Amino acid sequence: MRRKSVSQTNELEWLQASYDKKKNRSLELGVKAIDTLIKEGKTISYRTVSDKTKAIDPERIGIHQNTIRKNQELHNHFLQHSTTKAYRPRKRSRKPLDDDLDAFKHIKQDRDIDRVRQRYMQLTKPELVDLIIRMEQYIGYQNQNWLKNEFEKHR
C-alpha cells in the first residue's frame, strides 16, 4: 500500500511541475504580448492579447482568452493595462406599481406588434416581471370598476 502512495505522490509532483511550467509559459507569453501591444499603441483586450501570443509564440500555439482570466498574475497584469471597458449591466429606473396604471389606458389595438416585441426584448427579466405585475394590477382595477358599474346598473 505504501508503494501506491509514494507513486501517487511522485505523479502529483510531476503533474504539479507540469502545471507550473505551463502557467509560467502562459504568464511570460501574455506579458510579452501586452507589452508589445502597448508599444504598438493597439487596444488591449482578451482577443488581441490572445492573438498576439500566437504571433510571438515560437510554437505558434499562443494562449487562449480564458487562460488570461484564469491565470491570476496574468489577469492582474492584463487589468492594469486593459483599454476595454468593463461590463456593467445597465440600470433602469424602477417605477412604482400603482402610480402609472393610467399608462395602460393609452394602448391601442392596432399598434405595431413587431415594435412592441422589440421593445420588450430590450427589458431585463426583473423589468418584465414588474411590467406584468403592473398590467395585472391594471386588469384587476378595471375588472373591479366594471363589476361596480354592472352592480349599479341593476339596482
N, C-alpha and C. Protein backbone atom coordinates (compact mmCIF):
# COMPACT_ATOMS: atom_id res chain seq x y z
N MET A 1 0.81 -1.20 0.00
CA MET A 1 0.00 0.00 0.00
C MET A 1 0.85 1.26 0.00
N ARG A 2 1.96 1.22 0.69
CA ARG A 2 2.82 2.40 0.74
C ARG A 2 3.39 2.73 -0.63
N ARG A 3 3.63 1.68 -1.44
CA ARG A 3 4.17 1.93 -2.77
C ARG A 3 3.22 2.79 -3.60
N LYS A 4 1.91 2.50 -3.45
CA LYS A 4 0.95 3.29 -4.21
C LYS A 4 0.97 4.74 -3.77
N SER A 5 1.03 4.99 -2.49
CA SER A 5 1.03 6.37 -2.02
C SER A 5 2.31 7.10 -2.45
N VAL A 6 3.43 6.41 -2.44
CA VAL A 6 4.68 7.02 -2.91
C VAL A 6 4.57 7.29 -4.41
N SER A 7 4.01 6.35 -5.14
CA SER A 7 3.82 6.51 -6.57
C SER A 7 2.88 7.67 -6.87
N GLN A 8 1.79 7.73 -6.11
CA GLN A 8 0.84 8.83 -6.31
C GLN A 8 1.48 10.18 -6.00
N THR A 9 2.30 10.21 -4.96
CA THR A 9 2.98 11.46 -4.61
C THR A 9 3.90 11.90 -5.72
N ASN A 10 4.64 10.95 -6.30
CA ASN A 10 5.54 11.28 -7.41
C ASN A 10 4.76 11.78 -8.61
N GLU A 11 3.60 11.14 -8.87
CA GLU A 11 2.78 11.56 -10.01
C GLU A 11 2.23 12.96 -9.78
N LEU A 12 1.79 13.22 -8.55
CA LEU A 12 1.27 14.56 -8.25
C LEU A 12 2.36 15.62 -8.36
N GLU A 13 3.56 15.30 -7.89
CA GLU A 13 4.66 16.26 -8.01
C GLU A 13 4.98 16.51 -9.48
N TRP A 14 5.01 15.47 -10.26
CA TRP A 14 5.29 15.62 -11.69
C TRP A 14 4.19 16.44 -12.36
N LEU A 15 2.93 16.14 -11.98
CA LEU A 15 1.80 16.86 -12.57
C LEU A 15 1.84 18.33 -12.16
N GLN A 16 2.14 18.60 -10.90
CA GLN A 16 2.22 19.98 -10.42
C GLN A 16 3.35 20.72 -11.14
N ALA A 17 4.46 20.03 -11.34
CA ALA A 17 5.59 20.65 -12.06
C ALA A 17 5.18 20.99 -13.49
N SER A 18 4.40 20.11 -14.12
CA SER A 18 3.92 20.37 -15.47
C SER A 18 2.98 21.57 -15.50
N TYR A 19 2.08 21.64 -14.52
CA TYR A 19 1.15 22.76 -14.43
C TYR A 19 1.91 24.08 -14.23
N ASP A 20 2.90 24.05 -13.35
CA ASP A 20 3.68 25.25 -13.09
C ASP A 20 4.42 25.71 -14.34
N LYS A 21 4.95 24.76 -15.09
CA LYS A 21 5.67 25.09 -16.33
C LYS A 21 4.72 25.77 -17.33
N LYS A 22 3.52 25.20 -17.48
CA LYS A 22 2.54 25.78 -18.41
C LYS A 22 2.07 27.16 -17.93
N LYS A 23 1.88 27.30 -16.62
CA LYS A 23 1.44 28.57 -16.05
C LYS A 23 2.47 29.65 -16.30
N ASN A 24 3.75 29.32 -16.07
CA ASN A 24 4.83 30.28 -16.31
C ASN A 24 4.94 30.65 -17.78
N ARG A 25 4.78 29.66 -18.66
CA ARG A 25 4.82 29.91 -20.10
C ARG A 25 3.70 30.87 -20.49
N SER A 26 2.49 30.62 -19.96
CA SER A 26 1.35 31.49 -20.26
C SER A 26 1.60 32.90 -19.74
N LEU A 27 2.15 33.00 -18.55
CA LEU A 27 2.41 34.31 -17.97
C LEU A 27 3.43 35.08 -18.81
N GLU A 28 4.51 34.42 -19.20
CA GLU A 28 5.55 35.08 -19.99
C GLU A 28 5.01 35.52 -21.34
N LEU A 29 4.28 34.62 -22.02
CA LEU A 29 3.71 34.99 -23.33
C LEU A 29 2.72 36.13 -23.21
N GLY A 30 1.86 36.05 -22.19
CA GLY A 30 0.85 37.09 -22.00
C GLY A 30 1.46 38.44 -21.72
N VAL A 31 2.44 38.49 -20.84
CA VAL A 31 3.10 39.75 -20.51
C VAL A 31 3.81 40.32 -21.73
N LYS A 32 4.51 39.45 -22.48
CA LYS A 32 5.18 39.91 -23.72
C LYS A 32 4.15 40.48 -24.70
N ALA A 33 3.04 39.78 -24.85
CA ALA A 33 2.01 40.23 -25.79
C ALA A 33 1.43 41.58 -25.37
N ILE A 34 1.15 41.73 -24.09
CA ILE A 34 0.60 43.00 -23.60
C ILE A 34 1.60 44.13 -23.80
N ASP A 35 2.87 43.89 -23.47
CA ASP A 35 3.90 44.91 -23.66
C ASP A 35 4.07 45.28 -25.12
N THR A 36 4.00 44.28 -25.99
CA THR A 36 4.11 44.53 -27.43
C THR A 36 2.94 45.36 -27.92
N LEU A 37 1.73 45.03 -27.45
CA LEU A 37 0.55 45.79 -27.86
C LEU A 37 0.63 47.24 -27.38
N ILE A 38 1.17 47.43 -26.18
CA ILE A 38 1.33 48.80 -25.66
C ILE A 38 2.30 49.58 -26.55
N LYS A 39 3.41 48.96 -26.91
CA LYS A 39 4.40 49.63 -27.76
C LYS A 39 3.82 49.98 -29.12
N GLU A 40 2.95 49.07 -29.65
CA GLU A 40 2.34 49.31 -30.95
C GLU A 40 1.17 50.28 -30.86
N GLY A 41 0.72 50.59 -29.66
CA GLY A 41 -0.39 51.52 -29.48
C GLY A 41 -1.74 50.93 -29.82
N LYS A 42 -1.86 49.63 -29.73
CA LYS A 42 -3.12 48.96 -30.05
C LYS A 42 -3.94 48.73 -28.78
N THR A 43 -5.21 48.46 -28.96
CA THR A 43 -6.08 48.19 -27.82
C THR A 43 -5.69 46.87 -27.17
N ILE A 44 -5.90 46.81 -25.88
CA ILE A 44 -5.57 45.61 -25.13
C ILE A 44 -6.86 44.99 -24.63
N SER A 45 -7.23 43.90 -25.29
CA SER A 45 -8.42 43.14 -24.91
C SER A 45 -8.03 41.67 -24.85
N TYR A 46 -8.94 40.85 -24.36
CA TYR A 46 -8.64 39.42 -24.28
C TYR A 46 -8.29 38.86 -25.66
N ARG A 47 -9.05 39.28 -26.65
CA ARG A 47 -8.83 38.75 -28.00
C ARG A 47 -7.50 39.21 -28.58
N THR A 48 -7.18 40.51 -28.44
CA THR A 48 -5.94 40.99 -29.04
C THR A 48 -4.71 40.39 -28.36
N VAL A 49 -4.80 40.20 -27.04
CA VAL A 49 -3.67 39.58 -26.32
C VAL A 49 -3.52 38.13 -26.78
N SER A 50 -4.64 37.41 -26.87
CA SER A 50 -4.59 36.01 -27.31
C SER A 50 -4.01 35.90 -28.72
N ASP A 51 -4.48 36.76 -29.62
CA ASP A 51 -3.98 36.74 -31.00
C ASP A 51 -2.49 37.08 -31.06
N LYS A 52 -2.06 38.06 -30.25
CA LYS A 52 -0.66 38.47 -30.27
C LYS A 52 0.24 37.36 -29.72
N THR A 53 -0.25 36.60 -28.72
CA THR A 53 0.57 35.50 -28.20
C THR A 53 0.80 34.44 -29.25
N LYS A 54 -0.18 34.22 -30.11
CA LYS A 54 0.00 33.24 -31.19
C LYS A 54 1.03 33.74 -32.20
N ALA A 55 1.09 35.05 -32.38
CA ALA A 55 2.05 35.61 -33.33
C ALA A 55 3.47 35.58 -32.79
N ILE A 56 3.65 35.78 -31.49
CA ILE A 56 5.01 35.84 -30.94
C ILE A 56 5.49 34.51 -30.38
N ASP A 57 4.60 33.54 -30.24
CA ASP A 57 4.99 32.23 -29.71
C ASP A 57 5.79 31.48 -30.76
N PRO A 58 6.99 30.97 -30.41
CA PRO A 58 7.79 30.21 -31.37
C PRO A 58 7.07 28.94 -31.86
N GLU A 59 6.23 28.38 -30.99
CA GLU A 59 5.47 27.18 -31.37
C GLU A 59 4.18 27.52 -32.10
N ARG A 60 3.84 28.82 -32.17
CA ARG A 60 2.63 29.31 -32.83
C ARG A 60 1.35 28.78 -32.18
N ILE A 61 1.42 28.44 -30.90
CA ILE A 61 0.24 27.94 -30.18
C ILE A 61 -0.46 29.09 -29.47
N GLY A 62 0.31 29.91 -28.79
CA GLY A 62 -0.25 31.03 -28.06
C GLY A 62 -1.03 30.58 -26.83
N ILE A 63 -1.85 31.49 -26.31
CA ILE A 63 -2.68 31.15 -25.17
C ILE A 63 -4.12 31.54 -25.46
N HIS A 64 -5.03 30.86 -24.81
CA HIS A 64 -6.46 31.10 -25.01
C HIS A 64 -6.90 32.29 -24.16
N GLN A 65 -8.00 32.92 -24.54
CA GLN A 65 -8.52 34.06 -23.79
C GLN A 65 -8.85 33.69 -22.35
N ASN A 66 -9.39 32.49 -22.15
CA ASN A 66 -9.73 32.06 -20.79
C ASN A 66 -8.49 31.87 -19.93
N THR A 67 -7.36 31.56 -20.53
CA THR A 67 -6.12 31.42 -19.78
C THR A 67 -5.75 32.75 -19.14
N ILE A 68 -6.02 33.84 -19.84
CA ILE A 68 -5.74 35.17 -19.28
C ILE A 68 -6.61 35.40 -18.05
N ARG A 69 -7.84 34.96 -18.10
CA ARG A 69 -8.75 35.14 -16.97
C ARG A 69 -8.38 34.25 -15.79
N LYS A 70 -7.94 33.02 -16.07
CA LYS A 70 -7.70 32.05 -15.01
C LYS A 70 -6.33 32.18 -14.36
N ASN A 71 -5.33 32.67 -15.07
CA ASN A 71 -4.00 32.86 -14.52
C ASN A 71 -4.02 34.20 -13.76
N GLN A 72 -4.03 34.13 -12.44
CA GLN A 72 -4.23 35.31 -11.61
C GLN A 72 -3.20 36.40 -11.85
N GLU A 73 -1.94 36.03 -11.92
CA GLU A 73 -0.88 37.03 -12.15
C GLU A 73 -1.05 37.70 -13.51
N LEU A 74 -1.32 36.90 -14.53
CA LEU A 74 -1.51 37.44 -15.87
C LEU A 74 -2.77 38.31 -15.92
N HIS A 75 -3.81 37.87 -15.25
CA HIS A 75 -5.06 38.62 -15.25
C HIS A 75 -4.87 39.99 -14.58
N ASN A 76 -4.13 40.03 -13.48
CA ASN A 76 -3.85 41.30 -12.81
C ASN A 76 -3.05 42.23 -13.73
N HIS A 77 -2.06 41.68 -14.42
CA HIS A 77 -1.26 42.48 -15.37
C HIS A 77 -2.16 42.97 -16.50
N PHE A 78 -3.04 42.10 -16.97
CA PHE A 78 -3.97 42.48 -18.04
C PHE A 78 -4.87 43.62 -17.59
N LEU A 79 -5.43 43.52 -16.38
CA LEU A 79 -6.35 44.55 -15.89
C LEU A 79 -5.66 45.91 -15.72
N GLN A 80 -4.38 45.89 -15.39
CA GLN A 80 -3.64 47.15 -15.25
C GLN A 80 -3.51 47.88 -16.58
N HIS A 81 -3.45 47.12 -17.66
CA HIS A 81 -3.18 47.73 -18.97
C HIS A 81 -4.36 47.65 -19.94
N SER A 82 -5.45 47.06 -19.53
CA SER A 82 -6.59 46.88 -20.42
C SER A 82 -7.16 48.21 -20.87
N THR A 83 -7.52 48.28 -22.15
CA THR A 83 -8.10 49.50 -22.69
C THR A 83 -9.58 49.32 -23.02
N THR A 84 -10.13 48.17 -22.69
CA THR A 84 -11.55 47.94 -22.96
C THR A 84 -12.35 48.20 -21.71
N LYS A 85 -13.62 48.53 -21.90
CA LYS A 85 -14.49 48.84 -20.78
C LYS A 85 -14.93 47.56 -20.09
N ALA A 86 -15.06 47.64 -18.80
CA ALA A 86 -15.58 46.50 -18.03
C ALA A 86 -17.09 46.43 -18.22
N TYR A 87 -17.63 45.23 -18.20
CA TYR A 87 -19.06 45.04 -18.39
C TYR A 87 -19.81 45.50 -17.14
N ARG A 88 -20.77 46.36 -17.35
CA ARG A 88 -21.65 46.79 -16.27
C ARG A 88 -23.08 46.70 -16.79
N PRO A 89 -23.92 45.91 -16.13
CA PRO A 89 -25.29 45.83 -16.61
C PRO A 89 -25.98 47.18 -16.48
N ARG A 90 -26.81 47.48 -17.43
CA ARG A 90 -27.47 48.78 -17.39
C ARG A 90 -28.56 48.79 -16.32
N LYS A 91 -28.72 49.94 -15.74
CA LYS A 91 -29.73 50.10 -14.69
C LYS A 91 -30.85 50.95 -15.24
N ARG A 92 -32.03 50.50 -15.01
CA ARG A 92 -33.19 51.27 -15.44
C ARG A 92 -33.94 51.74 -14.21
N SER A 93 -34.69 52.79 -14.39
CA SER A 93 -35.43 53.31 -13.25
C SER A 93 -36.56 52.35 -12.88
N ARG A 94 -36.79 52.22 -11.61
CA ARG A 94 -37.88 51.37 -11.11
C ARG A 94 -39.09 52.25 -10.90
N LYS A 95 -40.20 51.89 -11.53
CA LYS A 95 -41.42 52.67 -11.41
C LYS A 95 -42.31 52.06 -10.33
N PRO A 96 -42.96 52.89 -9.54
CA PRO A 96 -43.91 52.35 -8.57
C PRO A 96 -45.06 51.65 -9.28
N LEU A 97 -45.60 50.60 -8.67
CA LEU A 97 -46.61 49.77 -9.34
C LEU A 97 -47.91 50.52 -9.58
N ASP A 98 -48.41 51.22 -8.60
CA ASP A 98 -49.75 51.79 -8.71
C ASP A 98 -49.77 53.16 -9.38
N ASP A 99 -48.63 53.82 -9.49
CA ASP A 99 -48.60 55.19 -9.99
C ASP A 99 -48.94 55.32 -11.47
N ASP A 100 -48.58 54.34 -12.28
CA ASP A 100 -48.75 54.52 -13.72
C ASP A 100 -49.76 53.55 -14.31
N LEU A 101 -50.81 53.21 -13.57
CA LEU A 101 -51.84 52.35 -14.13
C LEU A 101 -52.56 53.03 -15.28
N ASP A 102 -52.59 54.36 -15.26
CA ASP A 102 -53.25 55.09 -16.35
C ASP A 102 -52.48 54.96 -17.66
N ALA A 103 -51.21 54.58 -17.60
CA ALA A 103 -50.41 54.44 -18.82
C ALA A 103 -50.97 53.35 -19.72
N PHE A 104 -51.63 52.35 -19.14
CA PHE A 104 -52.19 51.27 -19.94
C PHE A 104 -53.47 51.67 -20.67
N LYS A 105 -54.07 52.80 -20.29
CA LYS A 105 -55.28 53.27 -20.97
C LYS A 105 -54.99 53.71 -22.40
N HIS A 106 -53.74 54.06 -22.67
CA HIS A 106 -53.37 54.60 -23.97
C HIS A 106 -52.93 53.53 -24.97
N ILE A 107 -53.00 52.27 -24.60
CA ILE A 107 -52.58 51.20 -25.50
C ILE A 107 -53.66 51.00 -26.56
N LYS A 108 -53.23 50.97 -27.81
CA LYS A 108 -54.18 50.80 -28.93
C LYS A 108 -54.05 49.39 -29.48
N GLN A 109 -55.16 48.88 -29.99
CA GLN A 109 -55.16 47.52 -30.53
C GLN A 109 -54.40 47.42 -31.84
N ASP A 110 -54.39 48.47 -32.64
CA ASP A 110 -53.77 48.41 -33.96
C ASP A 110 -52.31 48.89 -33.95
N ARG A 111 -51.63 48.75 -32.83
CA ARG A 111 -50.23 49.17 -32.74
C ARG A 111 -49.32 48.18 -33.46
N ASP A 112 -48.08 48.58 -33.72
CA ASP A 112 -47.10 47.75 -34.41
C ASP A 112 -46.57 46.69 -33.44
N ILE A 113 -47.03 45.46 -33.60
CA ILE A 113 -46.68 44.37 -32.67
C ILE A 113 -45.19 44.04 -32.74
N ASP A 114 -44.60 44.12 -33.91
CA ASP A 114 -43.16 43.85 -34.02
C ASP A 114 -42.35 44.86 -33.21
N ARG A 115 -42.77 46.11 -33.25
CA ARG A 115 -42.07 47.15 -32.48
C ARG A 115 -42.25 46.93 -30.98
N VAL A 116 -43.45 46.51 -30.59
CA VAL A 116 -43.71 46.22 -29.17
C VAL A 116 -42.84 45.05 -28.72
N ARG A 117 -42.76 44.01 -29.54
CA ARG A 117 -41.93 42.85 -29.21
C ARG A 117 -40.46 43.26 -29.07
N GLN A 118 -40.01 44.09 -30.00
CA GLN A 118 -38.62 44.57 -29.96
C GLN A 118 -38.36 45.36 -28.68
N ARG A 119 -39.32 46.18 -28.28
CA ARG A 119 -39.16 46.97 -27.06
C ARG A 119 -39.12 46.06 -25.83
N TYR A 120 -39.96 45.03 -25.79
CA TYR A 120 -39.97 44.10 -24.65
C TYR A 120 -38.70 43.25 -24.61
N MET A 121 -38.12 42.95 -25.76
CA MET A 121 -36.90 42.15 -25.78
C MET A 121 -35.71 42.93 -25.18
N GLN A 122 -35.82 44.23 -25.14
CA GLN A 122 -34.76 45.05 -24.56
C GLN A 122 -34.80 45.06 -23.04
N LEU A 123 -35.91 44.62 -22.45
CA LEU A 123 -36.07 44.65 -20.99
C LEU A 123 -35.40 43.45 -20.35
N THR A 124 -34.98 43.63 -19.12
CA THR A 124 -34.42 42.52 -18.36
C THR A 124 -35.57 41.73 -17.73
N LYS A 125 -35.26 40.56 -17.20
CA LYS A 125 -36.31 39.74 -16.58
C LYS A 125 -37.00 40.47 -15.43
N PRO A 126 -36.26 41.09 -14.51
CA PRO A 126 -36.95 41.81 -13.44
C PRO A 126 -37.86 42.93 -13.96
N GLU A 127 -37.43 43.60 -15.02
CA GLU A 127 -38.27 44.65 -15.60
C GLU A 127 -39.53 44.06 -16.22
N LEU A 128 -39.40 42.91 -16.88
CA LEU A 128 -40.59 42.25 -17.44
C LEU A 128 -41.54 41.80 -16.34
N VAL A 129 -41.01 41.28 -15.26
CA VAL A 129 -41.86 40.86 -14.13
C VAL A 129 -42.61 42.06 -13.58
N ASP A 130 -41.93 43.19 -13.39
CA ASP A 130 -42.59 44.39 -12.90
C ASP A 130 -43.68 44.85 -13.85
N LEU A 131 -43.41 44.78 -15.14
CA LEU A 131 -44.40 45.18 -16.14
C LEU A 131 -45.64 44.28 -16.09
N ILE A 132 -45.42 42.98 -15.98
CA ILE A 132 -46.55 42.05 -15.91
C ILE A 132 -47.37 42.30 -14.65
N ILE A 133 -46.71 42.55 -13.54
CA ILE A 133 -47.43 42.84 -12.30
C ILE A 133 -48.27 44.10 -12.44
N ARG A 134 -47.68 45.14 -13.05
CA ARG A 134 -48.45 46.38 -13.26
C ARG A 134 -49.64 46.14 -14.17
N MET A 135 -49.45 45.32 -15.22
CA MET A 135 -50.57 45.01 -16.11
C MET A 135 -51.67 44.25 -15.37
N GLU A 136 -51.28 43.29 -14.54
CA GLU A 136 -52.27 42.54 -13.77
C GLU A 136 -53.01 43.46 -12.79
N GLN A 137 -52.29 44.40 -12.18
CA GLN A 137 -52.93 45.36 -11.29
C GLN A 137 -53.96 46.19 -12.07
N TYR A 138 -53.59 46.60 -13.26
CA TYR A 138 -54.49 47.38 -14.10
C TYR A 138 -55.74 46.58 -14.46
N ILE A 139 -55.53 45.33 -14.86
CA ILE A 139 -56.66 44.47 -15.22
C ILE A 139 -57.57 44.26 -14.01
N GLY A 140 -56.97 44.01 -12.85
CA GLY A 140 -57.76 43.85 -11.64
C GLY A 140 -58.55 45.10 -11.31
N TYR A 141 -57.93 46.26 -11.47
CA TYR A 141 -58.59 47.53 -11.22
C TYR A 141 -59.76 47.72 -12.20
N GLN A 142 -59.53 47.41 -13.48
CA GLN A 142 -60.58 47.55 -14.48
C GLN A 142 -61.74 46.58 -14.22
N ASN A 143 -61.42 45.35 -13.83
CA ASN A 143 -62.47 44.37 -13.51
C ASN A 143 -63.30 44.85 -12.32
N GLN A 144 -62.66 45.41 -11.33
CA GLN A 144 -63.37 45.92 -10.15
C GLN A 144 -64.32 47.04 -10.55
N ASN A 145 -63.84 47.96 -11.40
CA ASN A 145 -64.70 49.06 -11.87
C ASN A 145 -65.87 48.52 -12.69
N TRP A 146 -65.60 47.56 -13.55
CA TRP A 146 -66.67 47.01 -14.38
C TRP A 146 -67.73 46.34 -13.51
N LEU A 147 -67.32 45.55 -12.52
CA LEU A 147 -68.28 44.90 -11.63
C LEU A 147 -69.09 45.93 -10.85
N LYS A 148 -68.45 46.98 -10.39
CA LYS A 148 -69.15 48.01 -9.65
C LYS A 148 -70.19 48.69 -10.54
N ASN A 149 -69.82 48.98 -11.80
CA ASN A 149 -70.75 49.61 -12.75
C ASN A 149 -71.92 48.68 -13.07
N GLU A 150 -71.65 47.39 -13.25
CA GLU A 150 -72.73 46.43 -13.53
C GLU A 150 -73.68 46.31 -12.34
N PHE A 151 -73.14 46.34 -11.15
CA PHE A 151 -73.96 46.26 -9.96
C PHE A 151 -74.84 47.49 -9.84
N GLU A 152 -74.29 48.67 -10.16
CA GLU A 152 -75.06 49.91 -10.11
C GLU A 152 -76.18 49.91 -11.14
N LYS A 153 -75.97 49.30 -12.30
CA LYS A 153 -76.99 49.25 -13.34
C LYS A 153 -78.22 48.47 -12.89
N HIS A 154 -78.01 47.41 -12.14
CA HIS A 154 -79.09 46.51 -11.78
C HIS A 154 -79.72 46.82 -10.42
N ARG A 155 -79.43 47.90 -9.84
CA ARG A 155 -80.03 48.30 -8.56
C ARG A 155 -81.41 48.74 -8.70
